[in-house]
Amino acid sequence: MPEFSTKLDIDSQLLLETPKMVRVILLNDNYTEMEFVVEILQSIYSKSRDEAIAITLEIHKNGKAIGGIYPYDIGEVKVQETIKAAKEAQFPLKAYAESIE
C-alpha cells in the first residue's frame, strides 16, 4: 500500500498572531435612562445585573466606563448593536471601541 504524506506550508507567523483587542467604552449623556444602560449591558455585553448596575454607575460618575474587552471584530459588532438599540429606543447613548496596545 502506498504511503501518503501531507505537507502544509503555513506561515508560522500567522499561527502565532493574537487578535487585536479593544475596549468597548460607553459614554454618559443627560438623556439615556440608567435602566436602559443596565439592560444594554446585560443583553449585549452579557453582564450580570449587579455588574451592569456597577458599570452604569461608573458611567454616570466618571462620564464613561468599559463595557467589555473583546477581539476587534466582536468589539465593533457590540458598538454597532449598542448604537442601534439606543437609536431604536430614541436614546443618544454612544459607544466606541478603543484599541489596546
PDB file of N, CA and C in Angstrom:
ATOM      1  N   MET A   1       0.842  -1.167   0.000  1.00  0.00           N
ATOM      2  CA  MET A   1       0.000   0.000   0.000  1.00  0.00           C
ATOM      3  C   MET A   1       0.898   1.245   0.000  1.00  0.00           C
ATOM      4  N   PRO A   2       0.613   2.218  -0.868  1.00  0.00           N
ATOM      5  CA  PRO A   2       1.470   3.404  -0.933  1.00  0.00           C
ATOM      6  C   PRO A   2       1.278   4.299   0.294  1.00  0.00           C
ATOM      7  N   GLU A   3       2.358   4.969   0.657  1.00  0.00           N
ATOM      8  CA  GLU A   3       2.306   5.911   1.775  1.00  0.00           C
ATOM      9  C   GLU A   3       2.023   7.305   1.243  1.00  0.00           C
ATOM     10  N   PHE A   4       1.164   8.003   1.942  1.00  0.00           N
ATOM     11  CA  PHE A   4       0.851   9.378   1.556  1.00  0.00           C
ATOM     12  C   PHE A   4       1.359  10.315   2.638  1.00  0.00           C
ATOM     13  N   SER A   5       1.879  11.401   2.193  1.00  0.00           N
ATOM     14  CA  SER A   5       2.377  12.401   3.125  1.00  0.00           C
ATOM     15  C   SER A   5       1.747  13.745   2.765  1.00  0.00           C
ATOM     16  N   THR A   6       1.283  14.416   3.764  1.00  0.00           N
ATOM     17  CA  THR A   6       0.713  15.741   3.540  1.00  0.00           C
ATOM     18  C   THR A   6       1.610  16.756   4.208  1.00  0.00           C
ATOM     19  N   LYS A   7       2.025  17.734   3.439  1.00  0.00           N
ATOM     20  CA  LYS A   7       2.871  18.786   3.979  1.00  0.00           C
ATOM     21  C   LYS A   7       2.122  20.103   3.830  1.00  0.00           C
ATOM     22  N   LEU A   8       1.916  20.755   4.930  1.00  0.00           N
ATOM     23  CA  LEU A   8       1.255  22.051   4.901  1.00  0.00           C
ATOM     24  C   LEU A   8       2.303  23.142   5.018  1.00  0.00           C
ATOM     25  N   ASP A   9       2.274  24.041   4.085  1.00  0.00           N
ATOM     26  CA  ASP A   9       3.212  25.160   4.116  1.00  0.00           C
ATOM     27  C   ASP A   9       2.469  26.375   4.660  1.00  0.00           C
ATOM     28  N   ILE A  10       2.396  26.444   5.965  1.00  0.00           N
ATOM     29  CA  ILE A  10       1.670  27.525   6.621  1.00  0.00           C
ATOM     30  C   ILE A  10       2.677  28.468   7.252  1.00  0.00           C
ATOM     31  N   ASP A  11       2.449  29.731   7.037  1.00  0.00           N
ATOM     32  CA  ASP A  11       3.315  30.742   7.635  1.00  0.00           C
ATOM     33  C   ASP A  11       3.168  30.668   9.155  1.00  0.00           C
ATOM     34  N   SER A  12       4.231  30.301   9.841  1.00  0.00           N
ATOM     35  CA  SER A  12       4.169  30.143  11.296  1.00  0.00           C
ATOM     36  C   SER A  12       3.854  31.461  11.989  1.00  0.00           C
ATOM     37  N   GLN A  13       4.175  32.572  11.373  1.00  0.00           N
ATOM     38  CA  GLN A  13       3.868  33.879  11.951  1.00  0.00           C
ATOM     39  C   GLN A  13       2.351  34.067  12.089  1.00  0.00           C
ATOM     40  N   LEU A  14       1.598  33.588  11.131  1.00  0.00           N
ATOM     41  CA  LEU A  14       0.146  33.710  11.188  1.00  0.00           C
ATOM     42  C   LEU A  14      -0.434  32.914  12.346  1.00  0.00           C
ATOM     43  N   LEU A  15       0.149  31.778  12.629  1.00  0.00           N
ATOM     44  CA  LEU A  15      -0.350  30.936  13.708  1.00  0.00           C
ATOM     45  C   LEU A  15      -0.119  31.557  15.080  1.00  0.00           C
ATOM     46  N   LEU A  16       0.932  32.364  15.201  1.00  0.00           N
ATOM     47  CA  LEU A  16       1.291  32.934  16.488  1.00  0.00           C
ATOM     48  C   LEU A  16       0.630  34.282  16.756  1.00  0.00           C
ATOM     49  N   GLU A  17       0.049  34.876  15.740  1.00  0.00           N
ATOM     50  CA  GLU A  17      -0.534  36.198  15.886  1.00  0.00           C
ATOM     51  C   GLU A  17      -1.816  36.145  16.715  1.00  0.00           C
ATOM     52  N   THR A  18      -1.879  36.978  17.743  1.00  0.00           N
ATOM     53  CA  THR A  18      -3.097  37.053  18.545  1.00  0.00           C
ATOM     54  C   THR A  18      -3.992  38.151  17.977  1.00  0.00           C
ATOM     55  N   PRO A  19      -5.287  38.006  18.133  1.00  0.00           N
ATOM     56  CA  PRO A  19      -6.176  39.028  17.581  1.00  0.00           C
ATOM     57  C   PRO A  19      -6.009  40.363  18.301  1.00  0.00           C
ATOM     58  N   LYS A  20      -6.202  41.442  17.561  1.00  0.00           N
ATOM     59  CA  LYS A  20      -6.154  42.777  18.130  1.00  0.00           C
ATOM     60  C   LYS A  20      -7.339  42.920  19.085  1.00  0.00           C
ATOM     61  N   MET A  21      -7.080  43.396  20.287  1.00  0.00           N
ATOM     62  CA  MET A  21      -8.123  43.538  21.296  1.00  0.00           C
ATOM     63  C   MET A  21      -8.538  45.003  21.432  1.00  0.00           C
ATOM     64  N   VAL A  22      -9.806  45.199  21.791  1.00  0.00           N
ATOM     65  CA  VAL A  22     -10.330  46.547  22.006  1.00  0.00           C
ATOM     66  C   VAL A  22     -11.134  46.594  23.296  1.00  0.00           C
ATOM     67  N   ARG A  23     -11.181  47.789  23.872  1.00  0.00           N
ATOM     68  CA  ARG A  23     -12.081  48.070  24.986  1.00  0.00           C
ATOM     69  C   ARG A  23     -13.304  48.741  24.385  1.00  0.00           C
ATOM     70  N   VAL A  24     -14.481  48.286  24.744  1.00  0.00           N
ATOM     71  CA  VAL A  24     -15.689  48.983  24.308  1.00  0.00           C
ATOM     72  C   VAL A  24     -16.077  49.939  25.430  1.00  0.00           C
ATOM     73  N   ILE A  25     -16.099  51.222  25.080  1.00  0.00           N
ATOM     74  CA  ILE A  25     -16.380  52.287  26.037  1.00  0.00           C
ATOM     75  C   ILE A  25     -17.794  52.812  25.809  1.00  0.00           C
ATOM     76  N   LEU A  26     -18.556  52.929  26.884  1.00  0.00           N
ATOM     77  CA  LEU A  26     -19.882  53.543  26.825  1.00  0.00           C
ATOM     78  C   LEU A  26     -19.787  54.923  27.465  1.00  0.00           C
ATOM     79  N   LEU A  27     -20.450  55.903  26.839  1.00  0.00           N
ATOM     80  CA  LEU A  27     -20.364  57.292  27.282  1.00  0.00           C
ATOM     81  C   LEU A  27     -21.642  57.748  27.980  1.00  0.00           C
ATOM     82  N   ASN A  28     -21.466  58.614  28.956  1.00  0.00           N
ATOM     83  CA  ASN A  28     -22.602  59.191  29.669  1.00  0.00           C
ATOM     84  C   ASN A  28     -23.250  60.290  28.824  1.00  0.00           C
ATOM     85  N   ASP A  29     -24.535  60.470  29.005  1.00  0.00           N
ATOM     86  CA  ASP A  29     -25.242  61.614  28.433  1.00  0.00           C
ATOM     87  C   ASP A  29     -26.357  61.982  29.407  1.00  0.00           C
ATOM     88  N   ASN A  30     -27.015  63.087  29.155  1.00  0.00           N
ATOM     89  CA  ASN A  30     -28.035  63.572  30.089  1.00  0.00           C
ATOM     90  C   ASN A  30     -29.440  63.051  29.805  1.00  0.00           C
ATOM     91  N   TYR A  31     -29.581  62.148  28.833  1.00  0.00           N
ATOM     92  CA  TYR A  31     -30.913  61.736  28.411  1.00  0.00           C
ATOM     93  C   TYR A  31     -31.183  60.232  28.516  1.00  0.00           C
ATOM     94  N   THR A  32     -30.175  59.418  28.312  1.00  0.00           N
ATOM     95  CA  THR A  32     -30.386  57.967  28.336  1.00  0.00           C
ATOM     96  C   THR A  32     -30.695  57.516  29.761  1.00  0.00           C
ATOM     97  N   GLU A  33     -31.768  56.777  29.911  1.00  0.00           N
ATOM     98  CA  GLU A  33     -32.164  56.292  31.234  1.00  0.00           C
ATOM     99  C   GLU A  33     -31.183  55.235  31.726  1.00  0.00           C
ATOM    100  N   MET A  34     -30.889  55.292  33.012  1.00  0.00           N
ATOM    101  CA  MET A  34     -29.933  54.349  33.592  1.00  0.00           C
ATOM    102  C   MET A  34     -30.408  52.906  33.424  1.00  0.00           C
ATOM    103  N   GLU A  35     -31.696  52.665  33.564  1.00  0.00           N
ATOM    104  CA  GLU A  35     -32.215  51.303  33.422  1.00  0.00           C
ATOM    105  C   GLU A  35     -31.981  50.775  32.008  1.00  0.00           C
ATOM    106  N   PHE A  36     -32.056  51.659  31.015  1.00  0.00           N
ATOM    107  CA  PHE A  36     -31.786  51.247  29.635  1.00  0.00           C
ATOM    108  C   PHE A  36     -30.327  50.810  29.491  1.00  0.00           C
ATOM    109  N   VAL A  37     -29.408  51.553  30.096  1.00  0.00           N
ATOM    110  CA  VAL A  37     -27.982  51.196  30.040  1.00  0.00           C
ATOM    111  C   VAL A  37     -27.762  49.849  30.720  1.00  0.00           C
ATOM    112  N   VAL A  38     -28.402  49.633  31.850  1.00  0.00           N
ATOM    113  CA  VAL A  38     -28.299  48.341  32.547  1.00  0.00           C
ATOM    114  C   VAL A  38     -28.770  47.221  31.625  1.00  0.00           C
ATOM    115  N   GLU A  39     -29.897  47.429  30.958  1.00  0.00           N
ATOM    116  CA  GLU A  39     -30.428  46.411  30.046  1.00  0.00           C
ATOM    117  C   GLU A  39     -29.478  46.145  28.877  1.00  0.00           C
ATOM    118  N   ILE A  40     -28.872  47.189  28.332  1.00  0.00           N
ATOM    119  CA  ILE A  40     -27.904  47.037  27.234  1.00  0.00           C
ATOM    120  C   ILE A  40     -26.710  46.215  27.711  1.00  0.00           C
ATOM    121  N   LEU A  41     -26.204  46.536  28.889  1.00  0.00           N
ATOM    122  CA  LEU A  41     -25.045  45.808  29.421  1.00  0.00           C
ATOM    123  C   LEU A  41     -25.375  44.339  29.670  1.00  0.00           C
ATOM    124  N   GLN A  42     -26.590  44.059  30.057  1.00  0.00           N
ATOM    125  CA  GLN A  42     -26.988  42.671  30.270  1.00  0.00           C
ATOM    126  C   GLN A  42     -27.209  41.942  28.943  1.00  0.00           C
ATOM    127  N   SER A  43     -27.901  42.575  28.023  1.00  0.00           N
ATOM    128  CA  SER A  43     -28.271  41.876  26.785  1.00  0.00           C
ATOM    129  C   SER A  43     -27.150  41.814  25.752  1.00  0.00           C
ATOM    130  N   ILE A  44     -26.404  42.886  25.587  1.00  0.00           N
ATOM    131  CA  ILE A  44     -25.359  42.914  24.555  1.00  0.00           C
ATOM    132  C   ILE A  44     -24.006  42.481  25.107  1.00  0.00           C
ATOM    133  N   TYR A  45     -23.715  42.877  26.343  1.00  0.00           N
ATOM    134  CA  TYR A  45     -22.389  42.619  26.916  1.00  0.00           C
ATOM    135  C   TYR A  45     -22.373  41.444  27.892  1.00  0.00           C
ATOM    136  N   SER A  46     -23.502  40.773  28.051  1.00  0.00           N
ATOM    137  CA  SER A  46     -23.622  39.573  28.898  1.00  0.00           C
ATOM    138  C   SER A  46     -23.169  39.796  30.339  1.00  0.00           C
ATOM    139  N   LYS A  47     -23.475  40.960  30.873  1.00  0.00           N
ATOM    140  CA  LYS A  47     -23.139  41.259  32.266  1.00  0.00           C
ATOM    141  C   LYS A  47     -24.292  40.814  33.169  1.00  0.00           C
ATOM    142  N   SER A  48     -23.945  40.440  34.391  1.00  0.00           N
ATOM    143  CA  SER A  48     -24.990  40.151  35.378  1.00  0.00           C
ATOM    144  C   SER A  48     -25.656  41.477  35.749  1.00  0.00           C
ATOM    145  N   ARG A  49     -26.793  41.403  36.380  1.00  0.00           N
ATOM    146  CA  ARG A  49     -27.479  42.644  36.777  1.00  0.00           C
ATOM    147  C   ARG A  49     -26.589  43.477  37.695  1.00  0.00           C
ATOM    148  N   ASP A  50     -25.927  42.845  38.662  1.00  0.00           N
ATOM    149  CA  ASP A  50     -25.054  43.579  39.584  1.00  0.00           C
ATOM    150  C   ASP A  50     -23.888  44.233  38.846  1.00  0.00           C
ATOM    151  N   GLU A  51     -23.265  43.497  37.916  1.00  0.00           N
ATOM    152  CA  GLU A  51     -22.169  44.074  37.128  1.00  0.00           C
ATOM    153  C   GLU A  51     -22.673  45.242  36.287  1.00  0.00           C
ATOM    154  N   ALA A  52     -23.830  45.063  35.676  1.00  0.00           N
ATOM    155  CA  ALA A  52     -24.395  46.105  34.814  1.00  0.00           C
ATOM    156  C   ALA A  52     -24.704  47.371  35.610  1.00  0.00           C
ATOM    157  N   ILE A  53     -25.239  47.213  36.799  1.00  0.00           N
ATOM    158  CA  ILE A  53     -25.527  48.374  37.648  1.00  0.00           C
ATOM    159  C   ILE A  53     -24.232  49.079  38.034  1.00  0.00           C
ATOM    160  N   ALA A  54     -23.210  48.317  38.414  1.00  0.00           N
ATOM    161  CA  ALA A  54     -21.925  48.911  38.801  1.00  0.00           C
ATOM    162  C   ALA A  54     -21.304  49.687  37.637  1.00  0.00           C
ATOM    163  N   ILE A  55     -21.342  49.122  36.438  1.00  0.00           N
ATOM    164  CA  ILE A  55     -20.788  49.801  35.259  1.00  0.00           C
ATOM    165  C   ILE A  55     -21.606  51.049  34.941  1.00  0.00           C
ATOM    166  N   THR A  56     -22.920  50.951  35.031  1.00  0.00           N
ATOM    167  CA  THR A  56     -23.790  52.103  34.770  1.00  0.00           C
ATOM    168  C   THR A  56     -23.494  53.239  35.742  1.00  0.00           C
ATOM    169  N   LEU A  57     -23.295  52.919  36.995  1.00  0.00           N
ATOM    170  CA  LEU A  57     -22.958  53.948  37.984  1.00  0.00           C
ATOM    171  C   LEU A  57     -21.592  54.564  37.695  1.00  0.00           C
ATOM    172  N   GLU A  58     -20.658  53.753  37.218  1.00  0.00           N
ATOM    173  CA  GLU A  58     -19.343  54.284  36.834  1.00  0.00           C
ATOM    174  C   GLU A  58     -19.476  55.237  35.643  1.00  0.00           C
ATOM    175  N   ILE A  59     -20.299  54.877  34.672  1.00  0.00           N
ATOM    176  CA  ILE A  59     -20.545  55.759  33.524  1.00  0.00           C
ATOM    177  C   ILE A  59     -21.130  57.080  34.020  1.00  0.00           C
ATOM    178  N   HIS A  60     -22.100  57.001  34.907  1.00  0.00           N
ATOM    179  CA  HIS A  60     -22.764  58.195  35.441  1.00  0.00           C
ATOM    180  C   HIS A  60     -21.776  59.078  36.210  1.00  0.00           C
ATOM    181  N   LYS A  61     -20.927  58.459  37.009  1.00  0.00           N
ATOM    182  CA  LYS A  61     -19.988  59.201  37.862  1.00  0.00           C
ATOM    183  C   LYS A  61     -18.801  59.754  37.077  1.00  0.00           C
ATOM    184  N   ASN A  62     -18.224  58.941  36.179  1.00  0.00           N
ATOM    185  CA  ASN A  62     -16.975  59.312  35.506  1.00  0.00           C
ATOM    186  C   ASN A  62     -17.150  59.766  34.057  1.00  0.00           C
ATOM    187  N   GLY A  63     -18.360  59.677  33.542  1.00  0.00           N
ATOM    188  CA  GLY A  63     -18.596  60.100  32.166  1.00  0.00           C
ATOM    189  C   GLY A  63     -18.405  59.000  31.141  1.00  0.00           C
ATOM    190  N   LYS A  64     -17.780  57.908  31.546  1.00  0.00           N
ATOM    191  CA  LYS A  64     -17.592  56.764  30.656  1.00  0.00           C
ATOM    192  C   LYS A  64     -17.131  55.570  31.474  1.00  0.00           C
ATOM    193  N   ALA A  65     -17.259  54.389  30.871  1.00  0.00           N
ATOM    194  CA  ALA A  65     -16.781  53.163  31.515  1.00  0.00           C
ATOM    195  C   ALA A  65     -16.610  52.089  30.455  1.00  0.00           C
ATOM    196  N   ILE A  66     -15.847  51.085  30.805  1.00  0.00           N
ATOM    197  CA  ILE A  66     -15.602  49.962  29.898  1.00  0.00           C
ATOM    198  C   ILE A  66     -16.768  48.983  29.990  1.00  0.00           C
ATOM    199  N   GLY A  67     -17.384  48.720  28.842  1.00  0.00           N
ATOM    200  CA  GLY A  67     -18.452  47.723  28.782  1.00  0.00           C
ATOM    201  C   GLY A  67     -17.892  46.320  28.689  1.00  0.00           C
ATOM    202  N   GLY A  68     -16.702  46.210  28.110  1.00  0.00           N
ATOM    203  CA  GLY A  68     -16.053  44.913  27.983  1.00  0.00           C
ATOM    204  C   GLY A  68     -14.818  45.007  27.111  1.00  0.00           C
ATOM    205  N   ILE A  69     -14.021  43.955  27.131  1.00  0.00           N
ATOM    206  CA  ILE A  69     -12.813  43.848  26.310  1.00  0.00           C
ATOM    207  C   ILE A  69     -13.001  42.650  25.397  1.00  0.00           C
ATOM    208  N   TYR A  70     -12.805  42.891  24.091  1.00  0.00           N
ATOM    209  CA  TYR A  70     -13.112  41.878  23.081  1.00  0.00           C
ATOM    210  C   TYR A  70     -12.099  41.921  21.950  1.00  0.00           C
ATOM    211  N   PRO A  71     -12.014  40.835  21.163  1.00  0.00           N
ATOM    212  CA  PRO A  71     -11.278  40.916  19.899  1.00  0.00           C
ATOM    213  C   PRO A  71     -11.923  42.008  19.041  1.00  0.00           C
ATOM    214  N   TYR A  72     -11.130  42.624  18.180  1.00  0.00           N
ATOM    215  CA  TYR A  72     -11.566  43.776  17.385  1.00  0.00           C
ATOM    216  C   TYR A  72     -12.931  43.572  16.732  1.00  0.00           C
ATOM    217  N   ASP A  73     -13.100  42.485  16.000  1.00  0.00           N
ATOM    218  CA  ASP A  73     -14.348  42.265  15.256  1.00  0.00           C
ATOM    219  C   ASP A  73     -15.565  42.198  16.178  1.00  0.00           C
ATOM    220  N   ILE A  74     -15.426  41.495  17.278  1.00  0.00           N
ATOM    221  CA  ILE A  74     -16.539  41.364  18.217  1.00  0.00           C
ATOM    222  C   ILE A  74     -16.834  42.704  18.882  1.00  0.00           C
ATOM    223  N   GLY A  75     -15.790  43.431  19.248  1.00  0.00           N
ATOM    224  CA  GLY A  75     -15.968  44.750  19.859  1.00  0.00           C
ATOM    225  C   GLY A  75     -16.708  45.705  18.944  1.00  0.00           C
ATOM    226  N   GLU A  76     -16.354  45.701  17.664  1.00  0.00           N
ATOM    227  CA  GLU A  76     -17.030  46.582  16.703  1.00  0.00           C
ATOM    228  C   GLU A  76     -18.505  46.215  16.557  1.00  0.00           C
ATOM    229  N   VAL A  77     -18.807  44.930  16.576  1.00  0.00           N
ATOM    230  CA  VAL A  77     -20.207  44.499  16.492  1.00  0.00           C
ATOM    231  C   VAL A  77     -20.972  44.972  17.732  1.00  0.00           C
ATOM    232  N   LYS A  78     -20.365  44.858  18.904  1.00  0.00           N
ATOM    233  CA  LYS A  78     -21.028  45.292  20.141  1.00  0.00           C
ATOM    234  C   LYS A  78     -21.307  46.793  20.106  1.00  0.00           C
ATOM    235  N   VAL A  79     -20.364  47.576  19.584  1.00  0.00           N
ATOM    236  CA  VAL A  79     -20.573  49.022  19.444  1.00  0.00           C
ATOM    237  C   VAL A  79     -21.782  49.286  18.551  1.00  0.00           C
ATOM    238  N   GLN A  80     -21.815  48.627  17.393  1.00  0.00           N
ATOM    239  CA  GLN A  80     -22.924  48.843  16.455  1.00  0.00           C
ATOM    240  C   GLN A  80     -24.263  48.391  17.047  1.00  0.00           C
ATOM    241  N   GLU A  81     -24.270  47.276  17.755  1.00  0.00           N
ATOM    242  CA  GLU A  81     -25.505  46.799  18.394  1.00  0.00           C
ATOM    243  C   GLU A  81     -25.990  47.793  19.450  1.00  0.00           C
ATOM    244  N   THR A  82     -25.047  48.365  20.201  1.00  0.00           N
ATOM    245  CA  THR A  82     -25.389  49.345  21.236  1.00  0.00           C
ATOM    246  C   THR A  82     -26.017  50.582  20.617  1.00  0.00           C
ATOM    247  N   ILE A  83     -25.376  51.111  19.587  1.00  0.00           N
ATOM    248  CA  ILE A  83     -25.870  52.321  18.927  1.00  0.00           C
ATOM    249  C   ILE A  83     -27.235  52.064  18.279  1.00  0.00           C
ATOM    250  N   LYS A  84     -27.387  50.910  17.653  1.00  0.00           N
ATOM    251  CA  LYS A  84     -28.667  50.570  17.014  1.00  0.00           C
ATOM    252  C   LYS A  84     -29.791  50.476  18.052  1.00  0.00           C
ATOM    253  N   ALA A  85     -29.532  49.779  19.153  1.00  0.00           N
ATOM    254  CA  ALA A  85     -30.551  49.633  20.200  1.00  0.00           C
ATOM    255  C   ALA A  85     -30.912  50.992  20.796  1.00  0.00           C
ATOM    256  N   ALA A  86     -29.916  51.846  20.993  1.00  0.00           N
ATOM    257  CA  ALA A  86     -30.173  53.181  21.540  1.00  0.00           C
ATOM    258  C   ALA A  86     -31.027  54.006  20.580  1.00  0.00           C
ATOM    259  N   LYS A  87     -30.700  53.959  19.300  1.00  0.00           N
ATOM    260  CA  LYS A  87     -31.494  54.705  18.309  1.00  0.00           C
ATOM    261  C   LYS A  87     -32.933  54.212  18.281  1.00  0.00           C
ATOM    262  N   GLU A  88     -33.105  52.895  18.310  1.00  0.00           N
ATOM    263  CA  GLU A  88     -34.459  52.322  18.292  1.00  0.00           C
ATOM    264  C   GLU A  88     -35.273  52.751  19.512  1.00  0.00           C
ATOM    265  N   ALA A  89     -34.585  52.922  20.641  1.00  0.00           N
ATOM    266  CA  ALA A  89     -35.259  53.351  21.871  1.00  0.00           C
ATOM    267  C   ALA A  89     -35.286  54.876  21.999  1.00  0.00           C
ATOM    268  N   GLN A  90     -34.756  55.555  20.996  1.00  0.00           N
ATOM    269  CA  GLN A  90     -34.694  57.020  20.949  1.00  0.00           C
ATOM    270  C   GLN A  90     -33.866  57.612  22.084  1.00  0.00           C
ATOM    271  N   PHE A  91     -32.719  56.963  22.354  1.00  0.00           N
ATOM    272  CA  PHE A  91     -31.758  57.481  23.314  1.00  0.00           C
ATOM    273  C   PHE A  91     -30.461  57.815  22.580  1.00  0.00           C
ATOM    274  N   PRO A  92     -29.723  58.823  23.067  1.00  0.00           N
ATOM    275  CA  PRO A  92     -28.475  59.208  22.407  1.00  0.00           C
ATOM    276  C   PRO A  92     -27.233  58.464  22.919  1.00  0.00           C
ATOM    277  N   LEU A  93     -27.414  57.322  23.567  1.00  0.00           N
ATOM    278  CA  LEU A  93     -26.283  56.567  24.110  1.00  0.00           C
ATOM    279  C   LEU A  93     -25.248  56.305  23.025  1.00  0.00           C
ATOM    280  N   LYS A  94     -23.991  56.563  23.341  1.00  0.00           N
ATOM    281  CA  LYS A  94     -22.888  56.348  22.405  1.00  0.00           C
ATOM    282  C   LYS A  94     -21.892  55.354  22.993  1.00  0.00           C
ATOM    283  N   ALA A  95     -21.227  54.644  22.093  1.00  0.00           N
ATOM    284  CA  ALA A  95     -20.180  53.695  22.477  1.00  0.00           C
ATOM    285  C   ALA A  95     -19.128  53.712  21.387  1.00  0.00           C
ATOM    286  N   TYR A  96     -17.907  53.363  21.750  1.00  0.00           N
ATOM    287  CA  TYR A  96     -16.842  53.250  20.756  1.00  0.00           C
ATOM    288  C   TYR A  96     -15.840  52.194  21.206  1.00  0.00           C
ATOM    289  N   ALA A  97     -15.069  51.702  20.240  1.00  0.00           N
ATOM    290  CA  ALA A  97     -14.034  50.707  20.529  1.00  0.00           C
ATOM    291  C   ALA A  97     -12.686  51.413  20.567  1.00  0.00           C
ATOM    292  N   GLU A  98     -11.906  51.111  21.593  1.00  0.00           N
ATOM    293  CA  GLU A  98     -10.596  51.725  21.803  1.00  0.00           C
ATOM    294  C   GLU A  98      -9.541  50.620  21.776  1.00  0.00           C
ATOM    295  N   SER A  99      -8.552  50.779  20.923  1.00  0.00           N
ATOM    296  CA  SER A  99      -7.502  49.756  20.797  1.00  0.00           C
ATOM    297  C   SER A  99      -6.722  49.583  22.090  1.00  0.00           C
ATOM    298  N   ILE A 100      -6.364  48.353  22.358  1.00  0.00           N
ATOM    299  CA  ILE A 100      -5.474  48.042  23.477  1.00  0.00           C
ATOM    300  C   ILE A 100      -4.116  47.748  22.865  1.00  0.00           C
ATOM    301  N   GLU A 101      -3.153  48.525  23.210  1.00  0.00           N
ATOM    302  CA  GLU A 101      -1.806  48.356  22.636  1.00  0.00           C
ATOM    303  C   GLU A 101      -1.025  47.316  23.396  1.00  0.00           C
TER     304      GLU A 101
END
